[in-house]
Every structure is written in C-alpha cells, then in structure tokens.
Amino acid sequence: MHQAISPEILRAHERLSEQTELFINQGGHIESVPSGVSGLSSGKPKVVWSNSHTAKPMHKR
C-alpha cells in the first residue's frame, strides 16, 4: 500500500536533512533522540485513535 506524502512534509524532511548534514559536516554529532520527539509543529494536533483494530479490506479482488 502506498500513502501519499504532502508537499509540506516533503519540504520539512528536506530541510531537516540539509540542517542535519550541515551540523554533522561542521563537526557536530547526535548522541540520541528521545522517544516521542517529533518534528511536527506543536500548533497542529496529532491524530489520536479512539480504539485500536485491524483495518478490514473494503472489497476483495
């Protein structure tokens, strides 16, 4: 299954990759990234699932 990625997310990923590469090239290093840390804007709500279940196919082929 392929999920489309929004242009906003692609730009943010490219910018983060560029900033990370510049940081590493200037002698920096990353020790750790804590669990739960996200690059998402804090102004946007995260999706919270009300219940967990396995998705069922809409139709069989």
Protein backbone atom coordinates (compact mmCIF):
# COMPACT_ATOMS: atom_id res chain seq x y z
CA MET A 1 0.00 0.00 0.00
CA HIS A 2 1.31 3.45 -0.87
CA GLN A 3 0.38 6.53 1.10
CA ALA A 4 0.83 9.97 -0.46
CA ILE A 5 3.08 12.37 1.44
CA SER A 6 2.10 16.03 1.41
CA PRO A 7 4.44 18.60 -0.14
CA GLU A 8 4.66 20.30 3.29
CA ILE A 9 6.04 17.13 4.86
CA LEU A 10 8.49 16.60 1.99
CA ARG A 11 9.82 20.18 2.35
CA ALA A 12 10.18 19.76 6.12
CA HIS A 13 12.05 16.46 5.64
CA GLU A 14 14.39 18.00 3.04
CA ARG A 15 15.10 21.00 5.30
CA LEU A 16 15.79 18.75 8.29
CA SER A 17 18.11 16.57 6.20
CA GLU A 18 20.01 19.65 4.98
CA GLN A 19 20.32 21.06 8.51
CA THR A 20 21.45 17.69 9.88
CA GLU A 21 24.08 17.29 7.16
CA LEU A 22 25.40 20.81 7.78
CA PHE A 23 25.56 20.14 11.53
CA ILE A 24 27.47 16.88 11.03
CA ASN A 25 29.83 18.46 8.47
CA GLN A 26 30.67 21.22 10.96
CA GLY A 27 31.81 18.63 13.48
CA GLY A 28 28.60 18.10 15.39
CA HIS A 29 27.28 14.71 16.40
CA ILE A 30 23.94 13.37 17.55
CA GLU A 31 24.04 11.43 20.80
CA SER A 32 20.39 10.44 21.00
CA VAL A 33 16.86 11.42 20.06
CA PRO A 34 14.39 10.83 22.91
CA SER A 35 11.37 8.66 22.25
CA GLY A 36 8.30 10.71 21.41
CA VAL A 37 10.24 13.66 20.00
CA SER A 38 8.64 14.81 16.77
CA GLY A 39 9.36 17.29 14.04
CA LEU A 40 5.68 18.16 13.82
CA SER A 41 4.58 21.68 14.51
CA SER A 42 3.15 21.94 18.02
CA GLY A 43 0.28 24.01 16.58
CA LYS A 44 -1.07 21.01 14.71
CA PRO A 45 -2.94 18.35 16.68
CA LYS A 46 -1.70 14.78 16.46
CA VAL A 47 -4.09 12.03 15.46
CA VAL A 48 -5.28 10.04 18.44
CA TRP A 49 -7.00 6.76 17.71
CA SER A 50 -10.11 6.24 19.82
CA ASN A 51 -9.84 2.46 19.57
CA SER A 52 -7.41 0.06 18.01
CA HIS A 53 -8.41 -2.53 15.47
CA THR A 54 -7.11 -4.04 12.29
CA ALA A 55 -8.47 -2.41 9.17
CA LYS A 56 -10.61 -4.69 7.04
CA PRO A 57 -10.38 -4.59 3.26
CA MET A 58 -13.14 -2.64 1.56
CA HIS A 59 -13.54 -5.29 -1.12
CA LYS A 60 -11.89 -8.46 -2.31
CA ARG A 61 -10.32 -8.82 -5.72
